[in-house]
Amino acid sequence: MSGPSMHPVDVANRVIDSGTPEPPHNRVTEELVPVEDDVAVVESFSHCWAVDAGEGLVCWDASGVQSGTKVVEALRGWSDLPVDRLVYTHGHVDHVGGSGAFVADAERRGDRRPTFVAHEAVPARFERYHETSGWNVAINRRQFGGIRDRDRFGMGGDVPRFLHADVAEPDELVGDRGSFTVGDRTFELRHARGETDDHVWGWEAERRTAYTGDFVCWMFPNAGNPQKVQRYPIEWARAMRDMLAAGVERVYPAHGLPIVGRQRCETVLGDVADALEHLADHTLELMNEGATIDEIIHVVRVPDRLADRPWLAPQYDEPEFVVRNVYRQFGGWWDGNPANLKPAPESAVAAEVVRLAGSIEALVDRALELVEAGDLRLACHLVQMAVAAEPAHEGAQRARADVFWHRRAAERSLMSKGVYAAAARESEAALGEEIAPNEFRSTIRGALG
């Protein structure tokens, strides 16, 4: 078992060497674990890596606003040194949200405020988060299943804020390359686009150690996310190749387990690169042949040899979404269907389909039959049309909740589960009651009348 008491390096070694998963790979204990004599990790969401550089600590990521204080408390149980540098590997809120706790710690101790280091695009991201706070709050609630706990995303107070007010703006900005020295330790920062356009990974050449942020996350790369801005799977793969070319022997990620040993680094980073390159290459090949996104997403798959790798499990993002992001990066927003270039309102299309089918009940009955037959994709289309045509129809809403709960249960990735759960909860809200995911079809049909 790989519970919190097991050292993360030991767990990683067993999983990589055997190829057998020992979940959870992404542990959130809020506890500090020494990985080397002068390097430790606080396993949080996300992790904070700390290096004792003699004259001060160098930290990689601040975790989120709700976990920042616990991260600092854990660090203080390990070292009394001031935090000299804190590097944002990128600007996502679970990596920068805890920075206020680091500032407060320095003030409380009478230390100099840490110097916050980031890529030069991070300030623009922060500004975008402020300008689109409501949108980001909404999509994160949906991504996590429509949950109502705003604090899950670092949003407190009466008015939700996506980026918390005390997040520290970066003091030092780097472009494609940068470096800094603290005590006897020198670190390079190398920019590469992947999950974000503002990502950097740290490189300590003397120890052949990479502080990778989200480039390594012990699950399928978050390179597709259907609700977020463009991701860059091709460049993500290139970053993996660059780390390997640099001679990396230790990978210290912001999510998941440390990877120690050259062969293990080659295995995990090589697999991540292979998977992303295969998806991108096959997608571009089909695009060049004139295929539409509808055709592409149903044929492009991760190679079988990589499908069961524990560090490529589609637990958060998934390959189908990465395919869509490759298409979006090179092909624009139009899906190739001429009817969708300037479409009629969805409600009008749905109403016409209902008219042709003869009734709302006909669509819903067919959707439920499809669920029983295992065709959840098509069932979702029909039940969504039924509700779009007549949102106040109780039976349609009841069926929609049931169908999307079943769809959620059949999915692996958190993103898919979240969107489908949010859809089910929307229908529950319209009904004013909760619908059991396994509700009997007879009860639904009874509501249809």
Protein backbone atom coordinates (compact mmCIF):
# COMPACT_ATOMS: atom_id res chain seq x y z
CA MET A 1 0.00 0.00 0.00
CA SER A 2 1.15 3.57 -0.67
CA GLY A 3 -0.45 5.45 2.18
CA PRO A 4 0.93 8.72 3.56
CA SER A 5 3.32 6.82 5.90
CA MET A 6 5.21 5.35 2.93
CA HIS A 7 8.11 7.47 1.69
CA PRO A 8 7.17 8.92 -1.73
CA VAL A 9 10.46 7.90 -3.36
CA ASP A 10 9.95 4.28 -2.27
CA VAL A 11 6.42 4.28 -3.66
CA ALA A 12 7.56 5.84 -6.95
CA ASN A 13 10.38 3.33 -7.34
CA ARG A 14 8.03 0.39 -6.90
CA VAL A 15 5.40 1.78 -9.26
CA ILE A 16 7.85 2.68 -12.03
CA ASP A 17 9.88 -0.51 -11.74
CA SER A 18 6.82 -2.76 -11.72
CA GLY A 19 4.45 -0.72 -13.89
CA THR A 20 1.76 -1.52 -11.32
CA PRO A 21 -0.24 1.36 -9.82
CA GLU A 22 -0.32 1.95 -6.08
CA PRO A 23 -2.77 4.81 -5.70
CA PRO A 24 -2.91 7.44 -4.52
CA HIS A 25 -0.04 8.79 -6.60
CA ASN A 26 -1.07 12.37 -5.85
CA ARG A 27 -1.04 12.52 -2.07
CA VAL A 28 -2.28 15.53 -0.12
CA THR A 29 -1.06 15.16 3.46
CA GLU A 30 0.08 18.74 4.23
CA GLU A 31 3.13 17.02 5.74
CA LEU A 32 6.79 17.59 4.94
CA VAL A 33 8.92 14.68 3.75
CA PRO A 34 12.72 15.00 3.42
CA VAL A 35 13.79 13.59 0.04
CA GLU A 36 17.48 14.51 0.37
CA ASP A 37 19.39 15.88 3.36
CA ASP A 38 18.76 19.42 2.13
CA VAL A 39 15.66 18.96 -0.06
CA ALA A 40 12.12 18.35 1.17
CA VAL A 41 8.58 18.37 -0.17
CA VAL A 42 5.32 19.35 1.48
CA GLU A 43 2.79 17.05 -0.16
CA SER A 44 -0.12 19.40 -0.75
CA PHE A 45 -2.29 20.56 -3.63
CA SER A 46 0.03 21.51 -5.20
CA HIS A 47 3.32 20.45 -3.59
CA CYS A 48 5.87 22.92 -2.30
CA TRP A 49 9.47 21.83 -2.79
CA ALA A 50 12.07 23.42 -0.49
CA VAL A 51 15.85 23.49 -0.86
CA ASP A 52 18.16 24.40 2.03
CA ALA A 53 20.73 26.54 0.24
CA GLY A 54 22.66 27.45 3.40
CA GLU A 55 21.84 31.16 3.42
CA GLY A 56 18.12 30.63 2.92
CA LEU A 57 15.41 28.41 1.50
CA VAL A 58 14.53 28.19 -2.18
CA CYS A 59 10.91 27.11 -2.59
CA TRP A 60 9.14 25.91 -5.70
CA ASP A 61 5.44 26.88 -5.70
CA ALA A 62 3.34 28.14 -2.81
CA SER A 63 0.41 25.70 -3.02
CA GLY A 64 -3.14 27.11 -2.85
CA VAL A 65 -4.70 29.77 -0.68
CA GLN A 66 -6.38 27.24 1.61
CA SER A 67 -3.22 25.16 2.06
CA GLY A 68 -0.57 27.88 2.16
CA THR A 69 -0.57 28.28 5.94
CA LYS A 70 -0.25 24.53 6.49
CA VAL A 71 2.59 24.39 3.99
CA VAL A 72 4.49 27.13 5.83
CA GLU A 73 3.87 25.42 9.19
CA ALA A 74 5.27 22.18 7.77
CA LEU A 75 8.34 23.99 6.42
CA ARG A 76 8.96 25.62 9.78
CA GLY A 77 9.03 22.20 11.41
CA TRP A 78 11.98 21.39 9.11
CA SER A 79 13.98 24.62 8.83
CA ASP A 80 14.26 27.99 10.53
CA LEU A 81 15.98 29.60 7.55
CA PRO A 82 14.26 32.54 5.83
CA VAL A 83 12.68 31.89 2.44
CA ASP A 84 15.00 33.69 0.02
CA ARG A 85 13.32 32.80 -3.29
CA LEU A 86 9.93 31.36 -4.12
CA VAL A 87 9.53 30.32 -7.74
CA TYR A 88 6.11 30.16 -9.36
CA THR A 89 6.49 27.36 -11.90
CA HIS A 90 3.38 28.90 -13.51
CA GLY A 91 0.46 31.11 -12.57
CA HIS A 92 -2.30 28.62 -11.72
CA VAL A 93 -4.02 29.40 -8.44
CA ASP A 94 -3.07 26.12 -6.75
CA HIS A 95 0.59 27.11 -7.25
CA VAL A 96 0.47 30.79 -6.32
CA GLY A 97 -2.49 31.06 -3.93
CA GLY A 98 -0.48 30.23 -0.81
CA SER A 99 2.06 33.02 -1.39
CA GLY A 100 0.31 35.29 1.11
CA ALA A 101 1.13 32.80 3.87
CA PHE A 102 4.84 33.03 2.96
CA VAL A 103 4.72 36.82 3.12
CA ALA A 104 2.94 36.70 6.48
CA ASP A 105 5.52 34.24 7.79
CA ALA A 106 8.37 36.57 6.83
CA GLU A 107 6.66 39.54 8.48
CA ARG A 108 5.98 37.57 11.65
CA ARG A 109 9.61 36.45 11.88
CA GLY A 110 11.08 39.82 10.92
CA ASP A 111 12.65 38.35 7.78
CA ARG A 112 13.00 40.00 4.40
CA ARG A 113 10.00 39.32 2.19
CA PRO A 114 10.73 36.40 -0.14
CA THR A 115 11.63 37.29 -3.70
CA PHE A 116 8.95 35.82 -5.97
CA VAL A 117 10.25 34.66 -9.33
CA ALA A 118 8.12 33.80 -12.38
CA HIS A 119 7.96 33.81 -16.15
CA GLU A 120 7.28 37.18 -17.73
CA ALA A 121 3.77 36.11 -18.82
CA VAL A 122 2.54 35.47 -15.26
CA PRO A 123 1.48 39.11 -14.56
CA ALA A 124 -0.71 39.04 -17.69
CA ARG A 125 -2.31 35.81 -16.42
CA PHE A 126 -3.04 37.44 -13.07
CA GLU A 127 -4.65 40.37 -14.86
CA ARG A 128 -6.75 38.01 -16.96
CA TYR A 129 -7.89 36.22 -13.82
CA HIS A 130 -9.03 39.52 -12.34
CA GLU A 131 -10.87 40.48 -15.53
CA THR A 132 -12.58 37.09 -15.85
CA SER A 133 -12.99 36.15 -12.20
CA GLY A 134 -16.67 35.27 -12.47
CA TRP A 135 -16.11 33.10 -15.51
CA ASN A 136 -13.26 31.22 -13.87
CA VAL A 137 -15.31 30.68 -10.71
CA ALA A 138 -18.14 29.24 -12.82
CA ILE A 139 -16.01 26.90 -14.92
CA ASN A 140 -14.16 25.56 -11.91
CA ARG A 141 -17.41 24.81 -10.12
CA ARG A 142 -18.53 22.94 -13.22
CA GLN A 143 -15.18 21.21 -13.65
CA PHE A 144 -15.46 19.85 -10.13
CA GLY A 145 -19.05 18.74 -10.57
CA GLY A 146 -20.96 21.91 -9.74
CA ILE A 147 -19.85 21.87 -6.11
CA ARG A 148 -20.88 24.82 -4.03
CA ASP A 149 -17.81 25.08 -1.81
CA ARG A 150 -16.11 28.19 -3.10
CA ASP A 151 -13.17 27.72 -0.75
CA ARG A 152 -12.21 24.59 -2.72
CA PHE A 153 -10.83 26.98 -5.32
CA GLY A 154 -9.37 29.56 -2.95
CA MET A 155 -12.34 31.93 -3.11
CA GLY A 156 -13.43 33.40 0.19
CA GLY A 157 -15.78 36.16 1.27
CA ASP A 158 -19.19 37.15 0.05
CA VAL A 159 -18.02 37.87 -3.50
CA PRO A 160 -16.06 34.97 -5.03
CA ARG A 161 -12.57 35.82 -6.17
CA PHE A 162 -10.75 33.42 -8.42
CA LEU A 163 -7.33 34.93 -7.66
CA HIS A 164 -7.10 35.73 -3.96
CA ALA A 165 -6.28 39.32 -3.02
CA ASP A 166 -3.07 38.50 -1.12
CA VAL A 167 -1.38 36.55 -3.93
CA ALA A 168 2.08 38.06 -4.31
CA GLU A 169 2.97 39.61 -7.64
CA PRO A 170 6.31 38.33 -8.97
CA ASP A 171 9.35 40.49 -8.21
CA GLU A 172 11.71 38.96 -10.77
CA LEU A 173 10.60 37.95 -14.26
CA VAL A 174 12.41 35.65 -16.65
CA GLY A 175 12.01 35.06 -20.37
CA ASP A 176 13.16 31.91 -22.15
CA ARG A 177 16.06 31.43 -19.72
CA GLY A 178 17.10 32.78 -16.36
CA SER A 179 19.12 31.82 -13.31
CA PHE A 180 19.73 32.76 -9.70
CA THR A 181 22.09 31.75 -6.92
CA VAL A 182 21.33 31.40 -3.22
CA GLY A 183 24.18 30.38 -0.97
CA ASP A 184 26.08 27.63 -2.73
CA ARG A 185 23.21 26.56 -5.02
CA THR A 186 22.60 27.83 -8.55
CA PHE A 187 19.34 27.17 -10.37
CA GLU A 188 18.43 27.74 -13.99
CA LEU A 189 14.89 28.52 -15.09
CA ARG A 190 13.81 27.30 -18.52
CA HIS A 191 10.56 28.40 -20.13
CA ALA A 192 8.41 26.01 -22.12
CA ARG A 193 4.74 26.10 -23.04
CA GLY A 194 2.68 23.12 -21.95
CA GLU A 195 -0.20 23.27 -19.54
CA THR A 196 0.22 27.05 -19.67
CA ASP A 197 2.05 29.65 -21.73
CA ASP A 198 3.90 30.91 -18.62
CA HIS A 199 5.49 27.71 -17.35
CA VAL A 200 9.10 27.38 -16.24
CA TRP A 201 10.96 24.38 -14.94
CA GLY A 202 13.93 24.59 -12.67
CA TRP A 203 17.25 22.93 -13.39
CA GLU A 204 20.06 22.34 -10.93
CA ALA A 205 22.83 21.08 -13.18
CA GLU A 206 25.21 20.04 -10.40
CA ARG A 207 22.66 17.55 -9.05
CA ARG A 208 20.88 16.87 -12.37
CA THR A 209 17.59 17.75 -10.73
CA ALA A 210 14.52 19.20 -12.46
CA TYR A 211 11.79 20.98 -10.52
CA THR A 212 9.11 20.40 -13.08
CA GLY A 213 5.92 22.03 -11.80
CA ASP A 214 3.01 20.52 -13.74
CA PHE A 215 5.06 19.15 -16.62
CA VAL A 216 5.07 15.91 -14.61
CA CYS A 217 1.88 15.21 -12.68
CA TRP A 218 1.53 11.42 -12.38
CA MET A 219 -1.59 11.30 -14.51
CA PHE A 220 -2.38 12.00 -18.14
CA PRO A 221 -1.07 15.50 -18.95
CA ASN A 222 -3.49 18.38 -18.44
CA ALA A 223 -3.08 19.38 -22.07
CA GLY A 224 -6.70 19.26 -23.15
CA ASN A 225 -8.95 20.85 -20.50
CA PRO A 226 -12.21 21.60 -22.37
CA GLN A 227 -13.07 24.78 -20.45
CA LYS A 228 -9.71 26.51 -20.25
CA VAL A 229 -7.49 28.49 -22.59
CA GLN A 230 -5.18 26.87 -25.13
CA ARG A 231 -2.79 24.17 -23.95
CA TYR A 232 0.34 23.17 -25.88
CA PRO A 233 0.82 19.37 -26.03
CA ILE A 234 3.51 19.47 -28.73
CA GLU A 235 5.70 21.83 -26.74
CA TRP A 236 4.93 19.89 -23.57
CA ALA A 237 6.44 16.81 -25.19
CA ARG A 238 9.43 18.86 -26.30
CA ALA A 239 10.01 19.96 -22.70
CA MET A 240 10.16 16.30 -21.66
CA ARG A 241 12.77 15.67 -24.35
CA ASP A 242 14.76 18.73 -23.23
CA MET A 243 14.84 17.52 -19.62
CA LEU A 244 16.11 14.15 -20.76
CA ALA A 245 18.69 15.74 -23.05
CA ALA A 246 19.94 17.84 -20.14
CA GLY A 247 20.72 14.61 -18.29
CA VAL A 248 18.02 14.70 -15.64
CA GLU A 249 18.35 12.09 -12.89
CA ARG A 250 15.84 13.49 -10.40
CA VAL A 251 12.38 14.84 -11.20
CA TYR A 252 10.60 16.74 -8.44
CA PRO A 253 7.05 17.51 -9.63
CA ALA A 254 4.31 19.74 -8.23
CA HIS A 255 1.81 16.86 -8.23
CA GLY A 256 2.59 13.24 -7.63
CA LEU A 257 5.75 11.39 -6.62
CA PRO A 258 9.45 12.21 -6.95
CA ILE A 259 11.29 10.27 -9.65
CA VAL A 260 14.83 9.27 -8.75
CA GLY A 261 17.24 7.50 -11.09
CA ARG A 262 18.10 8.07 -14.74
CA GLN A 263 16.30 5.00 -16.03
CA ARG A 264 13.09 5.88 -14.19
CA CYS A 265 13.25 9.44 -15.52
CA GLU A 266 13.67 8.08 -19.04
CA THR A 267 10.69 5.78 -18.56
CA VAL A 268 8.20 8.33 -17.23
CA LEU A 269 9.27 11.41 -19.19
CA GLY A 270 9.70 9.34 -22.33
CA ASP A 271 6.22 7.87 -22.00
CA VAL A 272 4.66 11.31 -21.50
CA ALA A 273 6.45 12.65 -24.57
CA ASP A 274 5.56 9.58 -26.65
CA ALA A 275 1.86 9.83 -25.76
CA LEU A 276 1.57 13.53 -26.55
CA GLU A 277 3.61 13.25 -29.75
CA HIS A 278 1.49 10.35 -30.98
CA LEU A 279 -1.77 12.22 -30.38
CA ALA A 280 -0.48 15.40 -31.99
CA ASP A 281 1.12 13.68 -34.99
CA HIS A 282 -1.94 11.56 -35.77
CA THR A 283 -4.28 14.55 -35.36
CA LEU A 284 -2.21 16.74 -37.68
CA GLU A 285 -1.93 13.92 -40.19
CA LEU A 286 -5.71 13.60 -40.36
CA MET A 287 -6.16 17.38 -40.49
CA ASN A 288 -3.81 17.49 -43.47
CA GLU A 289 -5.99 14.88 -45.14
CA GLY A 290 -9.05 17.09 -44.65
CA ALA A 291 -10.67 15.24 -41.73
CA THR A 292 -13.05 17.12 -39.43
CA ILE A 293 -12.69 17.20 -35.66
CA ASP A 294 -15.72 14.91 -35.39
CA GLU A 295 -13.91 12.30 -37.46
CA ILE A 296 -10.60 12.78 -35.69
CA ILE A 297 -11.71 12.44 -32.06
CA HIS A 298 -13.28 9.05 -32.75
CA VAL A 299 -10.15 7.44 -34.20
CA VAL A 300 -7.09 9.01 -32.53
CA ARG A 301 -6.03 7.07 -29.44
CA VAL A 302 -3.00 6.67 -27.19
CA PRO A 303 -0.89 3.66 -28.28
CA ASP A 304 -1.86 0.45 -26.51
CA ARG A 305 1.57 0.08 -24.93
CA LEU A 306 1.01 3.35 -23.03
CA ALA A 307 -2.66 3.03 -22.18
CA ASP A 308 -2.14 1.30 -18.82
CA ARG A 309 0.87 3.22 -17.56
CA PRO A 310 0.16 4.38 -13.96
CA TRP A 311 1.66 7.81 -14.70
CA LEU A 312 -0.58 8.25 -17.78
CA ALA A 313 -3.94 7.33 -16.25
CA PRO A 314 -6.71 9.69 -17.48
CA GLN A 315 -7.72 10.70 -13.97
CA TYR A 316 -7.94 14.46 -14.55
CA ASP A 317 -7.58 15.21 -18.25
CA GLU A 318 -7.80 12.67 -21.07
CA PRO A 319 -6.45 12.00 -24.57
CA GLU A 320 -9.65 12.92 -26.44
CA PHE A 321 -9.46 16.44 -25.03
CA VAL A 322 -5.80 16.74 -26.03
CA VAL A 323 -6.78 15.88 -29.60
CA ARG A 324 -9.29 18.72 -29.52
CA ASN A 325 -6.65 21.13 -28.26
CA VAL A 326 -4.25 20.21 -31.07
CA TYR A 327 -7.07 20.83 -33.54
CA ARG A 328 -7.92 24.14 -31.88
CA GLN A 329 -4.30 25.30 -31.92
CA PHE A 330 -3.91 24.72 -35.65
CA GLY A 331 -7.43 24.65 -37.00
CA GLY A 332 -9.46 27.39 -35.35
CA TRP A 333 -12.86 27.14 -33.67
CA TRP A 334 -15.04 25.94 -36.57
CA ASP A 335 -15.63 22.17 -36.50
CA GLY A 336 -15.99 21.72 -40.28
CA ASN A 337 -19.75 21.24 -40.27
CA PRO A 338 -21.22 24.04 -42.44
CA ALA A 339 -24.44 24.06 -40.42
CA ASN A 340 -22.41 24.98 -37.35
CA LEU A 341 -20.67 27.96 -38.92
CA LYS A 342 -23.66 30.22 -38.20
CA PRO A 343 -26.09 27.90 -36.41
CA ALA A 344 -29.68 28.25 -35.34
CA PRO A 345 -30.22 28.45 -31.56
CA GLU A 346 -29.89 25.05 -29.90
CA SER A 347 -33.38 25.42 -28.45
CA ALA A 348 -34.83 25.91 -31.95
CA VAL A 349 -33.05 22.84 -33.32
CA ALA A 350 -34.21 20.83 -30.30
CA ALA A 351 -37.81 21.97 -30.70
CA GLU A 352 -37.78 20.93 -34.36
CA VAL A 353 -36.40 17.49 -33.49
CA VAL A 354 -39.13 17.09 -30.86
CA ARG A 355 -41.75 18.05 -33.46
CA LEU A 356 -40.38 15.43 -35.85
CA ALA A 357 -40.19 12.81 -33.11
CA GLY A 358 -43.77 13.53 -32.12
CA SER A 359 -43.21 14.39 -28.46
CA ILE A 360 -40.73 15.11 -25.70
CA GLU A 361 -41.56 11.67 -24.35
CA ALA A 362 -40.36 9.99 -27.54
CA LEU A 363 -36.93 11.58 -27.18
CA VAL A 364 -36.68 10.75 -23.49
CA ASP A 365 -37.83 7.17 -23.94
CA ARG A 366 -35.23 6.66 -26.64
CA ALA A 367 -32.53 8.25 -24.48
CA LEU A 368 -33.32 5.82 -21.66
CA GLU A 369 -33.26 2.89 -24.05
CA LEU A 370 -29.82 4.00 -25.22
CA VAL A 371 -28.59 4.14 -21.62
CA GLU A 372 -29.74 0.56 -21.12
CA ALA A 373 -28.00 -0.41 -24.37
CA GLY A 374 -24.77 1.25 -23.24
CA ASP A 375 -24.73 4.09 -25.78
CA LEU A 376 -24.33 6.94 -23.31
CA ARG A 377 -22.91 9.39 -25.85
CA LEU A 378 -26.03 9.31 -27.99
CA ALA A 379 -28.34 9.20 -24.96
CA CYS A 380 -26.85 12.47 -23.73
CA HIS A 381 -27.59 14.19 -27.05
CA LEU A 382 -31.25 13.17 -27.00
CA VAL A 383 -31.99 14.01 -23.38
CA GLN A 384 -30.19 17.34 -23.74
CA MET A 385 -32.39 18.16 -26.74
CA ALA A 386 -35.51 17.26 -24.75
CA VAL A 387 -34.62 19.72 -21.99
CA ALA A 388 -33.48 22.40 -24.46
CA ALA A 389 -36.85 22.16 -26.21
CA GLU A 390 -38.89 22.34 -23.01
CA PRO A 391 -36.86 23.26 -19.90
CA ALA A 392 -39.90 23.15 -17.60
CA HIS A 393 -40.77 19.55 -18.48
CA GLU A 394 -40.38 17.59 -15.24
CA GLY A 395 -39.92 14.20 -16.84
CA ALA A 396 -37.27 15.48 -19.24
CA GLN A 397 -35.31 17.07 -16.41
CA ARG A 398 -35.62 13.92 -14.31
CA ALA A 399 -34.36 11.79 -17.18
CA ARG A 400 -31.54 14.24 -17.88
CA ALA A 401 -30.31 13.99 -14.30
CA ASP A 402 -30.40 10.21 -14.47
CA VAL A 403 -28.65 9.99 -17.84
CA PHE A 404 -25.85 12.33 -16.83
CA TRP A 405 -25.33 10.56 -13.50
CA HIS A 406 -24.89 7.36 -15.48
CA ARG A 407 -22.52 9.14 -17.86
CA ARG A 408 -20.48 10.39 -14.91
CA ALA A 409 -20.20 6.89 -13.46
CA ALA A 410 -18.86 5.56 -16.74
CA GLU A 411 -16.06 8.14 -17.07
CA ARG A 412 -12.54 8.08 -15.63
CA SER A 413 -11.29 11.66 -15.85
CA LEU A 414 -12.25 14.22 -13.24
CA MET A 415 -12.99 16.77 -15.96
CA SER A 416 -15.59 14.55 -17.63
CA LYS A 417 -17.04 13.45 -14.32
CA GLY A 418 -17.27 17.07 -13.21
CA VAL A 419 -19.07 18.35 -16.30
CA TYR A 420 -21.56 15.47 -16.28
CA ALA A 421 -22.20 15.78 -12.55
CA ALA A 422 -22.77 19.52 -12.99
CA ALA A 423 -25.33 18.78 -15.72
CA ALA A 424 -27.15 16.31 -13.47
CA ARG A 425 -27.20 18.82 -10.63
CA GLU A 426 -28.60 21.50 -12.96
CA SER A 427 -31.59 19.26 -13.61
CA GLU A 428 -31.89 18.46 -9.90
CA ALA A 429 -31.97 22.19 -9.19
CA ALA A 430 -34.73 22.64 -11.77
CA LEU A 431 -36.71 19.87 -10.05
CA GLY A 432 -35.95 21.02 -6.53
CA GLU A 433 -34.82 17.54 -5.48
CA GLU A 434 -31.95 15.11 -5.78
CA ILE A 435 -32.17 12.24 -8.24
CA ALA A 436 -30.48 8.98 -7.33
CA PRO A 437 -28.02 8.00 -10.09
CA ASN A 438 -29.52 4.50 -10.29
CA GLU A 439 -33.15 5.55 -10.17
CA PHE A 440 -35.48 2.98 -11.75
CA ARG A 441 -36.57 3.72 -15.31
CA SER A 442 -40.20 3.07 -14.29
CA THR A 443 -40.10 6.05 -11.93
CA ILE A 444 -38.83 8.30 -14.71
CA ARG A 445 -41.37 7.06 -17.19
CA GLY A 446 -44.08 7.59 -14.59
CA ALA A 447 -43.13 11.24 -14.39
CA LEU A 448 -43.36 11.46 -18.17
CA GLY A 449 -47.03 10.44 -17.98
